[in-house]
Amino acid sequence: MAASPKGSSSAAVPRIVPAKPPTTHLGLVRRARRVDRELAETYPDARCELDFTNPLELLVATVLSAQTTDVRVNQVTPGLFRRYPDAAAYAAADREELEGILKPLGFFRAKSASLMGLGQALVERFGGEVPGRLEDLVTLPGVGRKTANVVLGNAFGVPGITVDTHVKRVSRRLGWTEETDPVKIETALGDLIERPEWTMMSHRLIFHGRRCCFARKPNCGGCSVAAWCPSAGTAG
């Protein structure tokens, strides 16, 4: 018997075979819900990774998370929240002082302006309170549907789908949608997953995107849902 080449392994590395796409919409619904259940088991601790204790803190933290990481935001917000405990405090903030606090996050001038404008809008139009309706939240400075859904889902318990870069990437790789527009992706995912699961489904996809389904080199070999993924072994 011929010896194996030097340095080679006798055990063959199993090839990851992409899953065949469902042929019907019902099939896609069933697969998406199966994947969501599997991700729930894989990430039982899935949650919003921004630190907050009330709707205003979550709203502010989410606005600040643009173009930076949740970890970095969480390093800045404890001092920020102590200095500005309510909407009126942001509305009356000294711009230079606020910019100094936010400087580690990048884009600190724009973010300072957003928080001051946010505070003013909350005071003038909502009595200083964060509204609990999507149509009201998206009228606030620096707040789009993504931020509004984060706040609704995690501070008010209103189901919402957060389409961030991870949700967009993972849902497309899973074959749940071919859309690229965030609003259309939100609609497509909402048609697949039961409404009560929307917020947690978003967290699970984000956790999976951050921990396994990376943008450049997804870890398909260590993926708990590779068996139902049409991109398994081919993405990257």
C-alpha atoms as a PDB file:
ATOM      1  CA  MET A   1       0.000   0.000   0.000  1.00  0.00           C
ATOM      2  CA  ALA A   2       1.442   3.365  -0.994  1.00  0.00           C
ATOM      3  CA  ALA A   3       2.240   5.776   1.794  1.00  0.00           C
ATOM      4  CA  SER A   4       0.361   9.020   2.014  1.00  0.00           C
ATOM      5  CA  PRO A   5       2.254  12.070   0.756  1.00  0.00           C
ATOM      6  CA  LYS A   6       4.287  13.755   3.460  1.00  0.00           C
ATOM      7  CA  GLY A   7       2.204  16.235   5.476  1.00  0.00           C
ATOM      8  CA  SER A   8      -1.132  15.032   4.107  1.00  0.00           C
ATOM      9  CA  SER A   9      -3.970  13.809   6.273  1.00  0.00           C
ATOM     10  CA  SER A  10      -5.494  10.382   5.813  1.00  0.00           C
ATOM     11  CA  ALA A  11      -8.938  11.754   6.704  1.00  0.00           C
ATOM     12  CA  ALA A  12     -10.680  13.513   3.861  1.00  0.00           C
ATOM     13  CA  VAL A  13     -12.127  16.924   4.637  1.00  0.00           C
ATOM     14  CA  PRO A  14     -15.885  16.755   4.013  1.00  0.00           C
ATOM     15  CA  ARG A  15     -17.049  19.051   1.270  1.00  0.00           C
ATOM     16  CA  ILE A  16     -19.791  21.519   2.175  1.00  0.00           C
ATOM     17  CA  VAL A  17     -22.627  21.171  -0.291  1.00  0.00           C
ATOM     18  CA  PRO A  18     -24.974  24.165  -0.724  1.00  0.00           C
ATOM     19  CA  ALA A  19     -28.616  23.452  -0.004  1.00  0.00           C
ATOM     20  CA  LYS A  20     -31.013  23.489  -2.921  1.00  0.00           C
ATOM     21  CA  PRO A  21     -33.362  26.506  -2.807  1.00  0.00           C
ATOM     22  CA  PRO A  22     -37.009  25.709  -2.010  1.00  0.00           C
ATOM     23  CA  THR A  23     -39.219  25.549  -5.082  1.00  0.00           C
ATOM     24  CA  THR A  24     -42.262  27.189  -3.464  1.00  0.00           C
ATOM     25  CA  HIS A  25     -42.898  30.128  -1.173  1.00  0.00           C
ATOM     26  CA  LEU A  26     -44.330  27.763   1.441  1.00  0.00           C
ATOM     27  CA  GLY A  27     -41.133  25.765   1.277  1.00  0.00           C
ATOM     28  CA  LEU A  28     -39.123  28.929   1.860  1.00  0.00           C
ATOM     29  CA  VAL A  29     -41.311  29.870   4.830  1.00  0.00           C
ATOM     30  CA  ARG A  30     -40.801  26.437   6.390  1.00  0.00           C
ATOM     31  CA  ARG A  31     -37.049  26.544   5.820  1.00  0.00           C
ATOM     32  CA  ALA A  32     -36.704  30.085   7.193  1.00  0.00           C
ATOM     33  CA  ARG A  33     -38.589  29.157  10.358  1.00  0.00           C
ATOM     34  CA  ARG A  34     -36.516  25.999  10.763  1.00  0.00           C
ATOM     35  CA  VAL A  35     -33.325  28.059  10.441  1.00  0.00           C
ATOM     36  CA  ASP A  36     -34.634  30.615  12.934  1.00  0.00           C
ATOM     37  CA  ARG A  37     -35.368  27.847  15.455  1.00  0.00           C
ATOM     38  CA  GLU A  38     -31.884  26.431  14.952  1.00  0.00           C
ATOM     39  CA  LEU A  39     -30.305  29.849  15.446  1.00  0.00           C
ATOM     40  CA  ALA A  40     -32.347  30.228  18.637  1.00  0.00           C
ATOM     41  CA  GLU A  41     -30.658  27.095  19.957  1.00  0.00           C
ATOM     42  CA  THR A  42     -27.249  28.213  18.707  1.00  0.00           C
ATOM     43  CA  TYR A  43     -27.527  31.679  20.271  1.00  0.00           C
ATOM     44  CA  PRO A  44     -29.766  31.397  23.347  1.00  0.00           C
ATOM     45  CA  ASP A  45     -28.235  34.626  24.661  1.00  0.00           C
ATOM     46  CA  ALA A  46     -29.000  36.652  21.504  1.00  0.00           C
ATOM     47  CA  ARG A  47     -29.958  40.184  22.497  1.00  0.00           C
ATOM     48  CA  CYS A  48     -29.358  43.843  21.804  1.00  0.00           C
ATOM     49  CA  GLU A  49     -25.677  44.375  22.583  1.00  0.00           C
ATOM     50  CA  LEU A  50     -26.036  48.069  23.353  1.00  0.00           C
ATOM     51  CA  ASP A  51     -26.254  48.863  27.070  1.00  0.00           C
ATOM     52  CA  PHE A  52     -29.332  50.843  28.139  1.00  0.00           C
ATOM     53  CA  THR A  53     -31.886  51.152  30.937  1.00  0.00           C
ATOM     54  CA  ASN A  54     -34.666  53.146  29.251  1.00  0.00           C
ATOM     55  CA  PRO A  55     -35.963  54.076  25.766  1.00  0.00           C
ATOM     56  CA  LEU A  56     -34.007  57.345  25.576  1.00  0.00           C
ATOM     57  CA  GLU A  57     -30.718  55.632  26.377  1.00  0.00           C
ATOM     58  CA  LEU A  58     -31.337  52.986  23.718  1.00  0.00           C
ATOM     59  CA  LEU A  59     -32.349  55.608  21.167  1.00  0.00           C
ATOM     60  CA  VAL A  60     -29.197  57.629  21.829  1.00  0.00           C
ATOM     61  CA  ALA A  61     -26.940  54.561  21.816  1.00  0.00           C
ATOM     62  CA  THR A  62     -28.411  53.332  18.536  1.00  0.00           C
ATOM     63  CA  VAL A  63     -27.910  56.710  16.864  1.00  0.00           C
ATOM     64  CA  LEU A  64     -24.303  56.694  18.081  1.00  0.00           C
ATOM     65  CA  SER A  65     -23.667  53.151  16.811  1.00  0.00           C
ATOM     66  CA  ALA A  66     -23.543  54.279  13.177  1.00  0.00           C
ATOM     67  CA  GLN A  67     -20.072  53.730  11.690  1.00  0.00           C
ATOM     68  CA  THR A  68     -18.680  52.253  14.906  1.00  0.00           C
ATOM     69  CA  THR A  69     -19.049  49.178  17.113  1.00  0.00           C
ATOM     70  CA  ASP A  70     -21.463  48.473  19.943  1.00  0.00           C
ATOM     71  CA  VAL A  71     -18.469  47.781  22.175  1.00  0.00           C
ATOM     72  CA  ARG A  72     -17.081  51.264  21.616  1.00  0.00           C
ATOM     73  CA  VAL A  73     -20.495  52.860  22.128  1.00  0.00           C
ATOM     74  CA  ASN A  74     -20.854  51.000  25.435  1.00  0.00           C
ATOM     75  CA  GLN A  75     -17.533  52.457  26.556  1.00  0.00           C
ATOM     76  CA  VAL A  76     -18.774  56.007  26.013  1.00  0.00           C
ATOM     77  CA  THR A  77     -22.421  55.866  27.077  1.00  0.00           C
ATOM     78  CA  PRO A  78     -22.082  55.431  30.866  1.00  0.00           C
ATOM     79  CA  GLY A  79     -20.547  58.885  31.247  1.00  0.00           C
ATOM     80  CA  LEU A  80     -22.792  60.319  28.542  1.00  0.00           C
ATOM     81  CA  PHE A  81     -25.958  59.075  30.226  1.00  0.00           C
ATOM     82  CA  ARG A  82     -24.877  60.471  33.595  1.00  0.00           C
ATOM     83  CA  ARG A  83     -24.179  63.883  32.070  1.00  0.00           C
ATOM     84  CA  TYR A  84     -27.360  63.973  29.965  1.00  0.00           C
ATOM     85  CA  PRO A  85     -30.104  62.068  31.820  1.00  0.00           C
ATOM     86  CA  ASP A  86     -33.054  63.314  29.769  1.00  0.00           C
ATOM     87  CA  ALA A  87     -34.072  64.881  26.474  1.00  0.00           C
ATOM     88  CA  ALA A  88     -33.962  68.404  27.897  1.00  0.00           C
ATOM     89  CA  ALA A  89     -30.299  67.908  28.829  1.00  0.00           C
ATOM     90  CA  TYR A  90     -29.402  67.001  25.244  1.00  0.00           C
ATOM     91  CA  ALA A  91     -31.416  69.936  23.932  1.00  0.00           C
ATOM     92  CA  ALA A  92     -29.473  72.349  26.174  1.00  0.00           C
ATOM     93  CA  ALA A  93     -26.075  70.652  25.753  1.00  0.00           C
ATOM     94  CA  ASP A  94     -22.899  72.637  25.236  1.00  0.00           C
ATOM     95  CA  ARG A  95     -21.759  71.546  21.785  1.00  0.00           C
ATOM     96  CA  GLU A  96     -18.035  71.508  22.567  1.00  0.00           C
ATOM     97  CA  GLU A  97     -18.527  69.490  25.740  1.00  0.00           C
ATOM     98  CA  LEU A  98     -20.747  66.957  23.964  1.00  0.00           C
ATOM     99  CA  GLU A  99     -18.314  66.671  21.070  1.00  0.00           C
ATOM    100  CA  GLY A 100     -15.526  65.956  23.539  1.00  0.00           C
ATOM    101  CA  ILE A 101     -17.463  63.061  25.042  1.00  0.00           C
ATOM    102  CA  LEU A 102     -18.342  61.610  21.638  1.00  0.00           C
ATOM    103  CA  LYS A 103     -14.951  62.097  19.983  1.00  0.00           C
ATOM    104  CA  PRO A 104     -13.822  58.445  20.490  1.00  0.00           C
ATOM    105  CA  LEU A 105     -16.750  57.279  18.338  1.00  0.00           C
ATOM    106  CA  GLY A 106     -15.802  59.154  15.185  1.00  0.00           C
ATOM    107  CA  PHE A 107     -18.059  61.549  13.269  1.00  0.00           C
ATOM    108  CA  PHE A 108     -18.465  63.249  16.642  1.00  0.00           C
ATOM    109  CA  ARG A 109     -19.552  66.610  15.270  1.00  0.00           C
ATOM    110  CA  ALA A 110     -22.398  65.116  13.242  1.00  0.00           C
ATOM    111  CA  LYS A 111     -23.400  62.844  16.101  1.00  0.00           C
ATOM    112  CA  SER A 112     -23.377  65.725  18.572  1.00  0.00           C
ATOM    113  CA  ALA A 113     -25.630  67.710  16.269  1.00  0.00           C
ATOM    114  CA  SER A 114     -27.959  64.721  15.940  1.00  0.00           C
ATOM    115  CA  LEU A 115     -28.254  64.257  19.711  1.00  0.00           C
ATOM    116  CA  MET A 116     -28.904  67.954  20.316  1.00  0.00           C
ATOM    117  CA  GLY A 117     -31.517  68.011  17.557  1.00  0.00           C
ATOM    118  CA  LEU A 118     -33.002  64.782  18.898  1.00  0.00           C
ATOM    119  CA  GLY A 119     -33.329  66.271  22.375  1.00  0.00           C
ATOM    120  CA  GLN A 120     -34.955  69.412  21.022  1.00  0.00           C
ATOM    121  CA  ALA A 121     -37.446  67.457  18.920  1.00  0.00           C
ATOM    122  CA  LEU A 122     -38.406  65.219  21.838  1.00  0.00           C
ATOM    123  CA  VAL A 123     -38.938  68.206  24.115  1.00  0.00           C
ATOM    124  CA  GLU A 124     -40.860  70.273  21.579  1.00  0.00           C
ATOM    125  CA  ARG A 125     -43.044  67.556  20.052  1.00  0.00           C
ATOM    126  CA  PHE A 126     -43.251  64.665  22.486  1.00  0.00           C
ATOM    127  CA  GLY A 127     -43.029  66.186  25.947  1.00  0.00           C
ATOM    128  CA  GLY A 128     -39.471  64.965  26.385  1.00  0.00           C
ATOM    129  CA  GLU A 129     -40.490  61.312  26.028  1.00  0.00           C
ATOM    130  CA  VAL A 130     -39.455  58.818  23.353  1.00  0.00           C
ATOM    131  CA  PRO A 131     -42.546  57.943  21.286  1.00  0.00           C
ATOM    132  CA  GLY A 132     -43.515  54.305  20.940  1.00  0.00           C
ATOM    133  CA  ARG A 133     -44.709  54.430  17.325  1.00  0.00           C
ATOM    134  CA  LEU A 134     -42.620  53.878  14.201  1.00  0.00           C
ATOM    135  CA  GLU A 135     -44.265  56.752  12.330  1.00  0.00           C
ATOM    136  CA  ASP A 136     -43.274  59.145  15.131  1.00  0.00           C
ATOM    137  CA  LEU A 137     -39.757  57.820  15.686  1.00  0.00           C
ATOM    138  CA  VAL A 138     -38.716  58.224  12.051  1.00  0.00           C
ATOM    139  CA  THR A 139     -39.526  61.952  12.187  1.00  0.00           C
ATOM    140  CA  LEU A 140     -36.731  62.486  14.730  1.00  0.00           C
ATOM    141  CA  PRO A 141     -33.279  63.739  13.637  1.00  0.00           C
ATOM    142  CA  GLY A 142     -30.898  60.887  12.871  1.00  0.00           C
ATOM    143  CA  VAL A 143     -33.582  58.209  13.226  1.00  0.00           C
ATOM    144  CA  GLY A 144     -34.483  55.896  10.343  1.00  0.00           C
ATOM    145  CA  ARG A 145     -36.447  52.657  10.221  1.00  0.00           C
ATOM    146  CA  LYS A 146     -33.500  50.587  11.457  1.00  0.00           C
ATOM    147  CA  THR A 147     -33.035  52.691  14.589  1.00  0.00           C
ATOM    148  CA  ALA A 148     -36.785  52.930  15.140  1.00  0.00           C
ATOM    149  CA  ASN A 149     -37.183  49.147  14.990  1.00  0.00           C
ATOM    150  CA  VAL A 150     -34.321  48.659  17.455  1.00  0.00           C
ATOM    151  CA  VAL A 151     -36.026  50.981  19.924  1.00  0.00           C
ATOM    152  CA  LEU A 152     -39.510  49.566  19.395  1.00  0.00           C
ATOM    153  CA  GLY A 153     -38.422  45.970  19.700  1.00  0.00           C
ATOM    154  CA  ASN A 154     -36.092  46.299  22.664  1.00  0.00           C
ATOM    155  CA  ALA A 155     -37.486  49.203  24.705  1.00  0.00           C
ATOM    156  CA  PHE A 156     -41.210  48.911  23.995  1.00  0.00           C
ATOM    157  CA  GLY A 157     -41.692  45.237  23.187  1.00  0.00           C
ATOM    158  CA  VAL A 158     -43.153  46.024  19.765  1.00  0.00           C
ATOM    159  CA  PRO A 159     -41.951  43.436  17.200  1.00  0.00           C
ATOM    160  CA  GLY A 160     -39.684  44.935  14.585  1.00  0.00           C
ATOM    161  CA  ILE A 161     -37.107  43.770  12.043  1.00  0.00           C
ATOM    162  CA  THR A 162     -33.765  45.536  12.192  1.00  0.00           C
ATOM    163  CA  VAL A 163     -32.048  45.434   8.811  1.00  0.00           C
ATOM    164  CA  ASP A 164     -28.422  46.221   9.512  1.00  0.00           C
ATOM    165  CA  THR A 165     -25.405  45.055   7.517  1.00  0.00           C
ATOM    166  CA  HIS A 166     -25.433  41.613   9.187  1.00  0.00           C
ATOM    167  CA  VAL A 167     -29.153  40.965   8.672  1.00  0.00           C
ATOM    168  CA  LYS A 168     -28.842  42.066   5.063  1.00  0.00           C
ATOM    169  CA  ARG A 169     -25.853  39.802   4.369  1.00  0.00           C
ATOM    170  CA  VAL A 170     -27.037  36.703   6.249  1.00  0.00           C
ATOM    171  CA  SER A 171     -30.630  36.791   4.994  1.00  0.00           C
ATOM    172  CA  ARG A 172     -29.436  37.052   1.402  1.00  0.00           C
ATOM    173  CA  ARG A 173     -26.952  34.205   1.830  1.00  0.00           C
ATOM    174  CA  LEU A 174     -29.677  32.054   3.359  1.00  0.00           C
ATOM    175  CA  GLY A 175     -31.791  32.706   0.274  1.00  0.00           C
ATOM    176  CA  TRP A 176     -34.545  34.415   2.226  1.00  0.00           C
ATOM    177  CA  THR A 177     -34.500  37.388  -0.134  1.00  0.00           C
ATOM    178  CA  GLU A 178     -32.675  38.748  -3.157  1.00  0.00           C
ATOM    179  CA  GLU A 179     -33.530  42.348  -2.298  1.00  0.00           C
ATOM    180  CA  THR A 180     -30.858  44.918  -1.474  1.00  0.00           C
ATOM    181  CA  ASP A 181     -33.093  47.755  -0.284  1.00  0.00           C
ATOM    182  CA  PRO A 182     -33.467  47.618   3.531  1.00  0.00           C
ATOM    183  CA  VAL A 183     -37.204  48.329   3.489  1.00  0.00           C
ATOM    184  CA  LYS A 184     -37.817  45.584   0.926  1.00  0.00           C
ATOM    185  CA  ILE A 185     -35.656  43.179   2.950  1.00  0.00           C
ATOM    186  CA  GLU A 186     -37.686  44.048   6.051  1.00  0.00           C
ATOM    187  CA  THR A 187     -40.895  43.266   4.170  1.00  0.00           C
ATOM    188  CA  ALA A 188     -39.537  40.002   2.766  1.00  0.00           C
ATOM    189  CA  LEU A 189     -38.354  38.736   6.155  1.00  0.00           C
ATOM    190  CA  GLY A 190     -41.600  39.762   7.785  1.00  0.00           C
ATOM    191  CA  ASP A 191     -43.417  37.559   5.288  1.00  0.00           C
ATOM    192  CA  LEU A 192     -41.337  34.521   6.323  1.00  0.00           C
ATOM    193  CA  ILE A 193     -41.090  34.755  10.101  1.00  0.00           C
ATOM    194  CA  GLU A 194     -43.952  35.015  12.590  1.00  0.00           C
ATOM    195  CA  ARG A 195     -44.426  38.592  13.829  1.00  0.00           C
ATOM    196  CA  PRO A 196     -43.801  37.797  17.530  1.00  0.00           C
ATOM    197  CA  GLU A 197     -40.337  36.525  16.535  1.00  0.00           C
ATOM    198  CA  TRP A 198     -39.271  39.539  14.464  1.00  0.00           C
ATOM    199  CA  THR A 199     -37.147  41.232  17.134  1.00  0.00           C
ATOM    200  CA  MET A 200     -35.409  38.055  18.293  1.00  0.00           C
ATOM    201  CA  MET A 201     -34.926  36.844  14.722  1.00  0.00           C
ATOM    202  CA  SER A 202     -33.075  40.088  14.026  1.00  0.00           C
ATOM    203  CA  HIS A 203     -30.835  39.519  17.057  1.00  0.00           C
ATOM    204  CA  ARG A 204     -30.116  35.942  15.975  1.00  0.00           C
ATOM    205  CA  LEU A 205     -29.132  36.963  12.455  1.00  0.00           C
ATOM    206  CA  ILE A 206     -26.915  39.726  13.851  1.00  0.00           C
ATOM    207  CA  PHE A 207     -25.264  37.325  16.309  1.00  0.00           C
ATOM    208  CA  HIS A 208     -24.724  34.820  13.490  1.00  0.00           C
ATOM    209  CA  GLY A 209     -23.260  37.492  11.237  1.00  0.00           C
ATOM    210  CA  ARG A 210     -20.879  38.683  13.937  1.00  0.00           C
ATOM    211  CA  ARG A 211     -19.809  35.233  15.131  1.00  0.00           C
ATOM    212  CA  CYS A 212     -19.941  32.904  12.130  1.00  0.00           C
ATOM    213  CA  CYS A 213     -21.260  34.254   8.808  1.00  0.00           C
ATOM    214  CA  PHE A 214     -18.531  36.843   8.372  1.00  0.00           C
ATOM    215  CA  ALA A 215     -18.509  39.184   5.398  1.00  0.00           C
ATOM    216  CA  ARG A 216     -15.217  38.013   3.866  1.00  0.00           C
ATOM    217  CA  LYS A 217     -14.630  34.481   5.138  1.00  0.00           C
ATOM    218  CA  PRO A 218     -17.789  32.917   6.561  1.00  0.00           C
ATOM    219  CA  ASN A 219     -17.173  29.918   8.808  1.00  0.00           C
ATOM    220  CA  CYS A 220     -19.395  27.529   6.875  1.00  0.00           C
ATOM    221  CA  GLY A 221     -17.668  24.528   8.449  1.00  0.00           C
ATOM    222  CA  GLY A 222     -18.747  25.659  11.897  1.00  0.00           C
ATOM    223  CA  CYS A 223     -22.202  26.911  10.884  1.00  0.00           C
ATOM    224  CA  SER A 224     -25.206  25.356  12.615  1.00  0.00           C
ATOM    225  CA  VAL A 225     -27.520  26.155   9.680  1.00  0.00           C
ATOM    226  CA  ALA A 226     -25.251  25.248   6.757  1.00  0.00           C
ATOM    227  CA  ALA A 227     -27.534  22.305   5.874  1.00  0.00           C
ATOM    228  CA  TRP A 228     -30.281  24.788   4.915  1.00  0.00           C
ATOM    229  CA  CYS A 229     -28.063  27.435   3.300  1.00  0.00           C
ATOM    230  CA  PRO A 230     -27.837  27.718  -0.501  1.00  0.00           C
ATOM    231  CA  SER A 231     -24.605  29.720  -0.109  1.00  0.00           C
ATOM    232  CA  ALA A 232     -22.829  27.211   2.140  1.00  0.00           C
ATOM    233  CA  GLY A 233     -19.236  26.747   1.040  1.00  0.00           C
ATOM    234  CA  THR A 234     -19.558  29.297  -1.747  1.00  0.00           C
ATOM    235  CA  ALA A 235     -19.858  32.667   0.032  1.00  0.00           C
ATOM    236  CA  GLY A 236     -16.989  34.988   0.773  1.00  0.00           C
END
